[in-house]
Protein backbone atom coordinates (compact mmCIF):
# COMPACT_ATOMS: atom_id res chain seq x y z
CA MET A 1 -90.25 -86.85 -246.30
CA ILE A 2 -86.83 -85.43 -247.22
CA ASP A 3 -83.73 -87.26 -245.93
CA VAL A 4 -81.76 -84.15 -244.96
CA ILE A 5 -82.63 -80.48 -244.55
CA VAL A 6 -79.73 -78.05 -244.20
CA ILE A 7 -80.51 -74.59 -242.83
CA GLY A 8 -77.94 -72.24 -244.33
CA ALA A 9 -76.19 -72.23 -247.71
CA GLY A 10 -72.81 -71.10 -246.42
CA ALA A 11 -69.49 -72.95 -246.34
CA SER A 12 -70.34 -75.80 -243.96
CA GLY A 13 -73.92 -76.17 -245.18
CA LEU A 14 -72.96 -76.57 -248.85
CA VAL A 15 -70.25 -79.15 -248.10
CA THR A 16 -72.59 -81.11 -245.81
CA ALA A 17 -75.20 -81.17 -248.58
CA ILE A 18 -72.72 -82.31 -251.25
CA VAL A 19 -71.19 -85.11 -249.16
CA SER A 20 -74.65 -86.32 -248.03
CA ALA A 21 -76.00 -86.28 -251.59
CA ARG A 22 -72.96 -88.27 -252.81
CA ARG A 23 -74.04 -90.95 -250.35
CA GLY A 24 -77.48 -91.10 -251.96
CA LYS A 25 -79.40 -88.84 -249.60
CA ARG A 26 -82.14 -86.49 -250.81
CA VAL A 27 -81.08 -83.04 -249.59
CA LEU A 28 -82.84 -79.68 -249.36
CA ILE A 29 -81.01 -76.47 -248.42
CA LEU A 30 -83.00 -73.54 -247.03
CA GLU A 31 -81.23 -70.16 -247.30
CA LYS A 32 -82.60 -66.88 -245.95
CA ASN A 33 -80.55 -64.63 -248.27
CA ASN A 34 -81.43 -63.99 -251.91
CA LYS A 35 -78.30 -65.82 -253.04
CA VAL A 36 -76.01 -68.59 -251.89
CA GLY A 37 -72.69 -68.09 -250.07
CA LYS A 38 -72.99 -64.37 -249.43
CA LYS A 39 -70.32 -64.38 -246.68
CA LEU A 40 -68.06 -66.61 -248.76
CA LEU A 41 -68.17 -64.13 -251.61
CA ALA A 42 -66.78 -61.42 -249.32
CA THR A 43 -63.91 -63.41 -247.77
CA GLY A 44 -60.30 -62.55 -248.50
CA ASN A 45 -61.37 -59.27 -250.14
CA GLY A 46 -63.26 -61.26 -252.74
CA LYS A 47 -60.37 -63.69 -253.34
CA CYS A 48 -61.56 -66.22 -250.70
CA ASN A 49 -58.83 -67.29 -248.29
CA ILE A 50 -60.27 -70.79 -248.45
CA THR A 51 -58.13 -72.55 -245.82
CA ASN A 52 -54.65 -72.66 -244.32
CA GLN A 53 -51.90 -75.21 -244.85
CA ARG A 54 -51.15 -75.29 -241.13
CA PRO A 55 -54.44 -75.49 -239.20
CA THR A 56 -52.72 -76.11 -235.86
CA LEU A 57 -54.80 -76.26 -232.69
CA GLU A 58 -53.33 -73.08 -231.15
CA ARG A 59 -54.97 -71.07 -233.95
CA PHE A 60 -58.46 -72.00 -232.68
CA TYR A 61 -60.46 -71.09 -229.55
CA SER A 62 -63.31 -72.71 -227.62
CA GLU A 63 -64.44 -73.30 -224.05
CA ASN A 64 -63.86 -76.97 -224.93
CA PRO A 65 -60.51 -77.20 -226.82
CA LYS A 66 -60.64 -81.01 -226.79
CA PHE A 67 -63.53 -80.81 -229.28
CA ILE A 68 -61.35 -78.97 -231.83
CA HIS A 69 -58.62 -81.62 -231.52
CA GLU A 70 -61.14 -84.41 -232.15
CA VAL A 71 -62.85 -82.65 -235.07
CA PHE A 72 -59.52 -82.06 -236.86
CA ASN A 73 -58.10 -85.53 -236.19
CA GLY A 74 -57.57 -86.97 -239.68
CA TYR A 75 -58.83 -83.81 -241.41
CA GLY A 76 -55.91 -81.57 -242.28
CA TYR A 77 -55.18 -79.35 -245.26
CA GLN A 78 -54.92 -82.28 -247.69
CA SER A 79 -58.49 -83.39 -246.88
CA ILE A 80 -59.80 -79.96 -247.87
CA LYS A 81 -57.60 -79.81 -250.97
CA GLN A 82 -58.86 -83.22 -252.06
CA PHE A 83 -62.51 -82.21 -251.59
CA PHE A 84 -62.14 -79.07 -253.70
CA LYS A 85 -60.26 -80.99 -256.38
CA SER A 86 -63.27 -83.33 -256.51
CA ILE A 87 -65.53 -80.41 -257.50
CA GLY A 88 -63.01 -79.03 -260.01
CA LEU A 89 -61.48 -76.24 -257.93
CA GLU A 90 -57.68 -75.93 -257.95
CA LEU A 91 -55.95 -74.19 -255.05
CA ILE A 92 -52.80 -72.08 -254.75
CA GLU A 93 -50.68 -71.56 -251.65
CA ALA A 94 -49.55 -68.11 -250.49
CA LYS A 95 -47.55 -66.61 -247.63
CA GLU A 96 -48.40 -67.37 -243.99
CA GLY A 97 -49.82 -70.71 -245.14
CA LYS A 98 -52.88 -69.04 -246.67
CA VAL A 99 -54.63 -70.93 -249.48
CA PHE A 100 -56.76 -69.40 -252.25
CA PRO A 101 -58.66 -70.67 -255.30
CA MET A 102 -56.38 -70.56 -258.35
CA SER A 103 -58.78 -68.09 -259.98
CA LEU A 104 -58.36 -65.76 -256.96
CA GLN A 105 -62.13 -65.27 -257.06
CA ALA A 106 -64.49 -66.17 -254.24
CA SER A 107 -67.23 -66.45 -256.86
CA SER A 108 -65.43 -69.51 -258.32
CA VAL A 109 -65.71 -71.29 -254.98
CA VAL A 110 -69.41 -70.55 -254.61
CA GLU A 111 -70.32 -71.35 -258.22
CA LEU A 112 -68.49 -74.70 -258.24
CA LEU A 113 -70.08 -75.69 -254.92
CA VAL A 114 -73.52 -74.79 -256.29
CA ALA A 115 -72.82 -76.60 -259.57
CA GLU A 116 -71.91 -79.76 -257.62
CA CYS A 117 -75.12 -79.45 -255.60
CA GLN A 118 -77.15 -79.15 -258.80
CA GLN A 119 -75.43 -82.13 -260.39
CA LEU A 120 -76.21 -84.24 -257.34
CA GLY A 121 -79.87 -83.16 -257.25
CA VAL A 122 -79.58 -81.04 -254.11
CA GLU A 123 -82.43 -78.54 -254.03
CA ILE A 124 -81.49 -75.01 -252.91
CA ARG A 125 -84.24 -72.56 -252.01
CA CYS A 126 -83.31 -68.94 -251.30
CA GLU A 127 -85.29 -66.27 -249.44
CA ILE A 128 -86.60 -68.87 -247.03
CA GLU A 129 -86.69 -67.69 -243.43
CA VAL A 130 -86.98 -70.57 -241.01
CA GLN A 131 -89.20 -69.58 -238.11
CA GLN A 132 -89.46 -72.74 -236.04
CA VAL A 133 -87.78 -76.11 -235.69
CA LYS A 134 -89.50 -78.99 -233.88
CA LYS A 135 -88.61 -82.60 -233.25
CA VAL A 136 -91.63 -84.79 -233.97
CA ALA A 137 -91.08 -88.47 -233.10
CA ASN A 138 -88.02 -89.52 -235.18
CA SER A 139 -88.15 -86.61 -237.61
CA TYR A 140 -87.89 -82.81 -237.74
CA GLU A 141 -90.55 -80.29 -238.69
CA ILE A 142 -89.26 -77.01 -240.11
CA THR A 143 -91.68 -74.10 -240.37
CA HIS A 144 -90.68 -71.20 -242.63
CA ASN A 145 -92.16 -68.14 -244.33
CA LYS A 146 -93.37 -70.21 -247.30
CA GLY A 147 -94.57 -73.42 -245.68
CA VAL A 148 -93.55 -76.47 -243.67
CA GLU A 149 -90.98 -79.21 -244.44
CA LYS A 150 -90.22 -82.53 -242.75
CA SER A 151 -86.94 -84.39 -242.70
CA LYS A 152 -85.25 -87.38 -241.10
CA ALA A 153 -82.11 -85.33 -240.35
CA LEU A 154 -81.63 -81.63 -239.74
CA VAL A 155 -78.37 -79.70 -240.11
CA ILE A 156 -78.12 -76.26 -238.51
CA ALA A 157 -75.46 -74.43 -240.55
CA THR A 158 -76.78 -70.90 -240.12
CA GLY A 159 -73.54 -69.18 -239.17
CA HIS A 160 -73.63 -66.67 -236.34
CA LEU A 161 -73.93 -62.95 -235.58
CA SER A 162 -70.87 -61.61 -237.44
CA ALA A 163 -71.40 -59.43 -240.54
CA PRO A 164 -75.20 -59.00 -240.33
CA GLN A 165 -75.03 -56.99 -243.58
CA LEU A 166 -74.02 -60.27 -245.26
CA GLY A 167 -76.73 -62.26 -243.52
CA GLY A 168 -75.17 -62.95 -240.13
CA VAL A 169 -77.89 -64.07 -237.70
CA ASP A 170 -78.28 -65.93 -234.43
CA VAL A 171 -81.33 -67.99 -235.40
CA GLY A 172 -79.31 -71.21 -235.38
CA VAL A 173 -78.26 -70.56 -231.80
CA SER A 174 -81.91 -69.80 -230.92
CA PHE A 175 -83.09 -73.08 -232.46
CA ALA A 176 -80.39 -74.97 -230.56
CA LYS A 177 -81.43 -73.32 -227.31
CA ARG A 178 -85.08 -74.24 -227.86
CA LEU A 179 -83.98 -77.82 -228.46
CA GLY A 180 -82.29 -77.86 -225.05
CA HIS A 181 -78.70 -77.03 -225.95
CA ARG A 182 -76.50 -74.86 -223.75
CA ILE A 183 -75.23 -71.69 -225.45
CA ILE A 184 -71.85 -70.05 -224.81
CA LYS A 185 -72.24 -66.26 -224.76
CA PRO A 186 -70.89 -64.70 -227.99
CA PHE A 187 -68.86 -61.58 -228.70
CA PRO A 188 -67.41 -60.13 -231.93
CA THR A 189 -63.83 -60.96 -232.90
CA LEU A 190 -61.46 -60.23 -235.78
CA VAL A 191 -62.91 -56.76 -235.38
CA GLN A 192 -61.85 -53.08 -235.36
CA LEU A 193 -61.48 -51.52 -231.90
CA THR A 194 -62.85 -48.23 -230.57
CA SER A 195 -61.11 -45.71 -228.31
CA PRO A 196 -62.24 -43.01 -225.85
CA MET A 197 -59.04 -41.02 -226.54
CA LYS A 198 -59.45 -37.41 -227.65
CA LYS A 199 -58.14 -35.93 -230.89
CA LEU A 200 -58.19 -39.25 -232.74
CA ASP A 201 -58.82 -37.41 -236.01
CA ARG A 202 -55.29 -36.05 -236.08
CA MET A 203 -53.91 -39.61 -236.45
CA ALA A 204 -56.70 -40.90 -238.69
CA GLY A 205 -55.56 -42.48 -241.92
CA VAL A 206 -52.03 -43.34 -240.75
CA LYS A 207 -51.09 -46.95 -241.50
CA VAL A 208 -47.85 -48.33 -240.07
CA GLU A 209 -46.21 -51.74 -239.64
CA SER A 210 -46.28 -52.29 -235.86
CA ARG A 211 -46.03 -54.77 -233.03
CA VAL A 212 -49.03 -54.59 -230.69
CA THR A 213 -48.79 -55.86 -227.10
CA LEU A 214 -51.55 -56.54 -224.58
CA LYS A 215 -50.94 -57.48 -220.96
CA THR A 216 -53.91 -59.50 -219.72
CA LYS A 217 -55.41 -59.45 -216.22
CA ASP A 218 -53.60 -62.73 -215.41
CA ASN A 219 -50.31 -61.14 -216.54
CA LYS A 220 -50.02 -63.00 -219.83
CA ILE A 221 -48.42 -61.10 -222.70
CA VAL A 222 -50.17 -61.26 -226.09
CA GLN A 223 -48.27 -59.86 -229.08
CA LYS A 224 -49.33 -59.52 -232.71
CA GLN A 225 -47.41 -57.94 -235.56
CA GLY A 226 -48.72 -56.44 -238.79
CA ASP A 227 -50.15 -53.23 -240.09
CA VAL A 228 -52.01 -50.88 -237.75
CA LEU A 229 -54.44 -48.30 -239.10
CA PHE A 230 -55.37 -45.33 -236.90
CA THR A 231 -58.94 -44.15 -237.51
CA SER A 232 -61.38 -41.48 -236.34
CA TYR A 233 -63.15 -44.06 -234.10
CA GLY A 234 -60.06 -45.90 -232.84
CA ILE A 235 -57.79 -48.44 -234.46
CA SER A 236 -57.85 -51.14 -237.13
CA GLY A 237 -55.44 -53.09 -239.34
CA LEU A 238 -54.37 -56.73 -239.42
CA ALA A 239 -52.44 -56.66 -236.12
CA ILE A 240 -55.53 -55.20 -234.41
CA LEU A 241 -57.89 -57.79 -235.89
CA ASP A 242 -55.51 -60.49 -234.69
CA ILE A 243 -55.34 -59.19 -231.11
CA SER A 244 -59.03 -58.17 -230.90
CA ARG A 245 -60.23 -61.48 -229.43
CA PHE A 246 -57.91 -61.11 -226.43
CA VAL A 247 -58.88 -57.45 -225.99
CA MET A 248 -62.60 -58.29 -226.00
CA VAL A 249 -62.07 -60.92 -223.29
CA GLU A 250 -60.31 -58.29 -221.13
CA LEU A 251 -63.16 -55.82 -221.68
CA PHE A 252 -65.60 -58.22 -219.99
CA SER A 253 -64.09 -57.14 -216.67
CA LYS A 254 -62.63 -53.69 -217.48
CA LYS A 255 -63.99 -50.43 -218.90
CA SER A 256 -60.90 -50.07 -221.09
CA VAL A 257 -57.50 -51.61 -221.78
CA ILE A 258 -54.18 -50.13 -222.85
CA LEU A 259 -52.39 -51.45 -225.92
CA SER A 260 -48.67 -50.85 -226.26
CA ILE A 261 -47.77 -50.22 -229.91
CA ASP A 262 -44.20 -50.45 -231.17
CA LEU A 263 -44.31 -48.13 -234.16
CA MET A 264 -40.86 -49.27 -235.37
CA PRO A 265 -40.69 -53.02 -234.64
CA LYS A 266 -37.84 -53.72 -237.06
CA MET A 267 -35.40 -51.67 -234.96
CA SER A 268 -34.43 -52.20 -231.33
CA HIS A 269 -34.56 -49.33 -228.85
CA GLU A 270 -30.77 -49.03 -229.02
CA GLN A 271 -30.67 -49.05 -232.83
CA LEU A 272 -33.31 -46.33 -233.12
CA LEU A 273 -31.62 -44.22 -230.43
CA ALA A 274 -28.25 -44.51 -232.21
CA LEU A 275 -29.79 -43.58 -235.57
CA MET A 276 -31.49 -40.51 -234.13
CA ARG A 277 -28.42 -39.37 -232.21
CA LYS A 278 -26.39 -39.34 -235.43
CA SER A 279 -28.72 -36.78 -236.99
CA LEU A 280 -28.77 -34.37 -234.03
CA VAL A 281 -27.19 -30.96 -234.63
CA LYS A 282 -26.01 -28.86 -231.69
CA LYS A 283 -27.54 -25.39 -231.33
CA SER A 284 -30.09 -26.20 -234.05
CA SER A 285 -33.29 -24.17 -233.77
CA LYS A 286 -35.18 -26.63 -236.00
CA PRO A 287 -38.46 -27.70 -234.32
CA LEU A 288 -38.56 -31.31 -233.15
CA THR A 289 -41.86 -31.66 -235.01
CA THR A 290 -40.00 -31.00 -238.28
CA TRP A 291 -36.90 -33.07 -237.43
CA LEU A 292 -38.96 -36.17 -236.53
CA GLN A 293 -40.52 -36.22 -240.00
CA GLY A 294 -37.25 -37.78 -241.10
CA PHE A 295 -38.20 -40.86 -239.07
CA ILE A 296 -41.96 -41.17 -238.65
CA ASN A 297 -45.29 -40.18 -240.15
CA LYS A 298 -46.02 -36.49 -239.58
CA LYS A 299 -49.49 -37.15 -238.10
CA LEU A 300 -48.01 -39.25 -235.28
CA ILE A 301 -45.44 -36.70 -234.11
CA ILE A 302 -47.62 -34.48 -231.88
CA PRO A 303 -49.31 -37.50 -230.18
CA ILE A 304 -45.79 -38.83 -229.44
CA LEU A 305 -44.39 -35.53 -228.16
CA GLU A 306 -47.39 -34.21 -226.18
CA PRO A 307 -47.20 -36.70 -223.27
CA LEU A 308 -43.52 -35.72 -222.93
CA LYS A 309 -44.33 -31.99 -223.11
CA LEU A 310 -41.86 -31.65 -225.98
CA GLU A 311 -44.21 -30.50 -228.75
CA ASN A 312 -42.59 -27.02 -228.75
CA ALA A 313 -38.99 -28.19 -228.27
CA THR A 314 -36.13 -27.73 -230.74
CA VAL A 315 -33.43 -30.14 -231.90
CA GLY A 316 -30.85 -28.06 -230.01
CA SER A 317 -32.71 -28.43 -226.72
CA ILE A 318 -32.59 -32.24 -226.77
CA THR A 319 -29.00 -32.32 -228.06
CA SER A 320 -27.93 -30.89 -224.72
CA ASN A 321 -30.24 -33.28 -222.79
CA ILE A 322 -29.96 -36.74 -224.32
CA LYS A 323 -32.44 -38.19 -221.80
CA GLU A 324 -35.18 -36.33 -223.65
CA LEU A 325 -34.24 -38.19 -226.84
CA GLU A 326 -34.39 -41.50 -224.96
CA LYS A 327 -37.93 -40.61 -223.84
CA ILE A 328 -38.95 -39.96 -227.47
CA VAL A 329 -37.54 -43.33 -228.55
CA THR A 330 -39.35 -45.04 -225.66
CA GLU A 331 -42.62 -43.37 -226.72
CA ILE A 332 -42.17 -44.55 -230.34
CA LYS A 333 -41.40 -48.09 -229.20
CA ASN A 334 -44.12 -48.11 -226.54
CA PHE A 335 -46.94 -45.88 -227.82
CA LYS A 336 -49.90 -46.23 -225.47
CA PHE A 337 -53.36 -46.53 -227.02
CA GLU A 338 -56.54 -46.89 -224.97
CA VAL A 339 -59.34 -49.15 -226.23
CA ASN A 340 -62.85 -49.42 -224.76
CA GLY A 341 -64.85 -51.49 -227.25
CA SER A 342 -65.27 -52.71 -230.81
CA LYS A 343 -67.18 -51.89 -233.98
CA GLY A 344 -69.50 -54.75 -233.08
CA TYR A 345 -70.77 -57.62 -235.17
CA LYS A 346 -71.13 -55.44 -238.25
CA GLY A 347 -67.35 -54.96 -238.36
CA ALA A 348 -66.50 -58.48 -237.19
CA GLU A 349 -65.32 -61.29 -239.42
CA VAL A 350 -66.34 -63.86 -236.81
CA ALA A 351 -68.52 -64.24 -233.71
CA THR A 352 -67.24 -66.29 -230.80
CA GLY A 353 -69.44 -68.49 -228.63
CA GLY A 354 -72.40 -70.52 -229.84
CA VAL A 355 -73.61 -74.07 -229.22
CA ASP A 356 -71.69 -75.71 -226.38
CA THR A 357 -69.46 -78.31 -228.07
CA LYS A 358 -69.61 -80.62 -225.04
CA GLU A 359 -73.11 -81.46 -226.29
CA VAL A 360 -72.00 -82.31 -229.86
CA ASN A 361 -70.24 -85.46 -231.08
CA PRO A 362 -67.00 -84.24 -232.73
CA LYS A 363 -66.65 -87.27 -234.98
CA ILE A 364 -70.02 -86.86 -236.69
CA MET A 365 -71.19 -83.32 -235.62
CA GLU A 366 -74.42 -84.79 -234.25
CA SER A 367 -76.20 -83.49 -231.17
CA LYS A 368 -75.77 -85.70 -228.11
CA LYS A 369 -79.30 -84.70 -227.10
CA HIS A 370 -81.23 -85.42 -230.31
CA LYS A 371 -80.51 -88.11 -232.87
CA GLY A 372 -80.52 -86.73 -236.41
CA LEU A 373 -79.73 -83.14 -235.35
CA TYR A 374 -76.38 -81.77 -236.55
CA PHE A 375 -74.46 -78.51 -236.04
CA THR A 376 -71.74 -77.25 -238.37
CA GLY A 377 -69.54 -74.16 -238.70
CA GLU A 378 -69.77 -70.85 -236.87
CA VAL A 379 -72.95 -71.74 -234.97
CA LEU A 380 -70.68 -73.86 -232.74
CA ASP A 381 -68.49 -72.48 -229.96
CA VAL A 382 -65.31 -72.54 -232.06
CA ASP A 383 -63.54 -69.61 -233.68
CA GLY A 384 -60.14 -69.23 -235.27
CA ASP A 385 -57.49 -66.73 -236.19
CA ARG A 386 -57.48 -64.72 -239.39
CA GLY A 387 -55.85 -66.52 -242.33
CA GLY A 388 -58.30 -69.18 -243.52
CA PHE A 389 -58.69 -70.96 -240.18
CA ASN A 390 -62.41 -70.30 -239.67
CA LEU A 391 -63.23 -71.58 -243.16
CA HIS A 392 -61.06 -74.64 -242.54
CA PHE A 393 -63.21 -75.47 -239.52
CA ALA A 394 -66.40 -74.96 -241.56
CA TRP A 395 -65.25 -77.30 -244.36
CA VAL A 396 -64.18 -80.03 -241.91
CA CYS A 397 -67.54 -79.81 -240.10
CA GLY A 398 -69.30 -80.25 -243.45
CA LEU A 399 -67.18 -83.27 -244.40
CA ARG A 400 -67.74 -84.97 -241.05
CA ALA A 401 -71.49 -84.27 -240.91
CA GLY A 402 -72.08 -85.21 -244.55
CA LYS A 403 -70.32 -88.56 -244.16
CA SER A 404 -72.29 -89.48 -241.06
CA ILE A 405 -75.89 -88.55 -241.97
């Protein structure tokens, strides 16, 4: 009988295996993909945003926030840095607290993790699809497409539904449910958003630094700043990924929500109004659509002017009616964009929800229902912001589980 079987050769699964094997355990990893760390290889555009220097609690979400606090207690950035140093991977720090491998290659992270597994005698089998998990007396029986294995301890590190093209699945959640665990309903996050608005094509391809604001049903204001990319299906960009979790929560109870987009966040309303007023020329017959190209992307001009019925106006016409100019500035600083959904798990970096953390011991990642059963990473009801936070959680889960098995 094997000491430890880990289902899933992703971030948390590999670290769990390494730490367990360093403590003398015989470890087998079962991976359904044809290679290890497929999601890891795609993170950070192939550079692997491995963690964040400031993994503060407000950057993470769960129905049980206390669990996150207890998991991270004593496991900050330095703990992760020390672990990777132990396998020969040096890290570099970038803006916004983001941390990358010094090589700036996700493949370095995966290959060094695999090399450490091999050195410790961890067996990794790929293209193994686990079909059933059963507790038999004080051990676990794992049935898969190529046979049956038995182990004293079982680690479910399967990830979740995000990025199915990279192997995202919900089998881990299914196994947990069959073993009596409560599951928090998932939804995609860090995801592009769709819109029912007409004529989206005319804005498609425009990318602009913006501040995006959402007013929630309980009147909370959520704001995110970064680039916004208008697309033929809706809207994307870093600011949109960052606000998508809050939008998806609102869409549980609404058919659509309205985002307010400040297309010029570096200037106040007054500053932009003053700048535009200076360039007005009395009696000018120049079309507003031409004049505004001096300030904003051409493809955004008609969508800004149409709600104001100014798409056919001239510079001269608003020079004599300054209130019209104020309306244009307001529209630029408060551009309304309707959203009714997302691009789903295929476009998502992360899935929310998962195994209810109230049923998992945060100090050792062990099930409170079954001794020897552990959950790590995205299969749990914890998700984080973009910027290395989700991987930080995965590594910490692996360290805690590995040390306790």
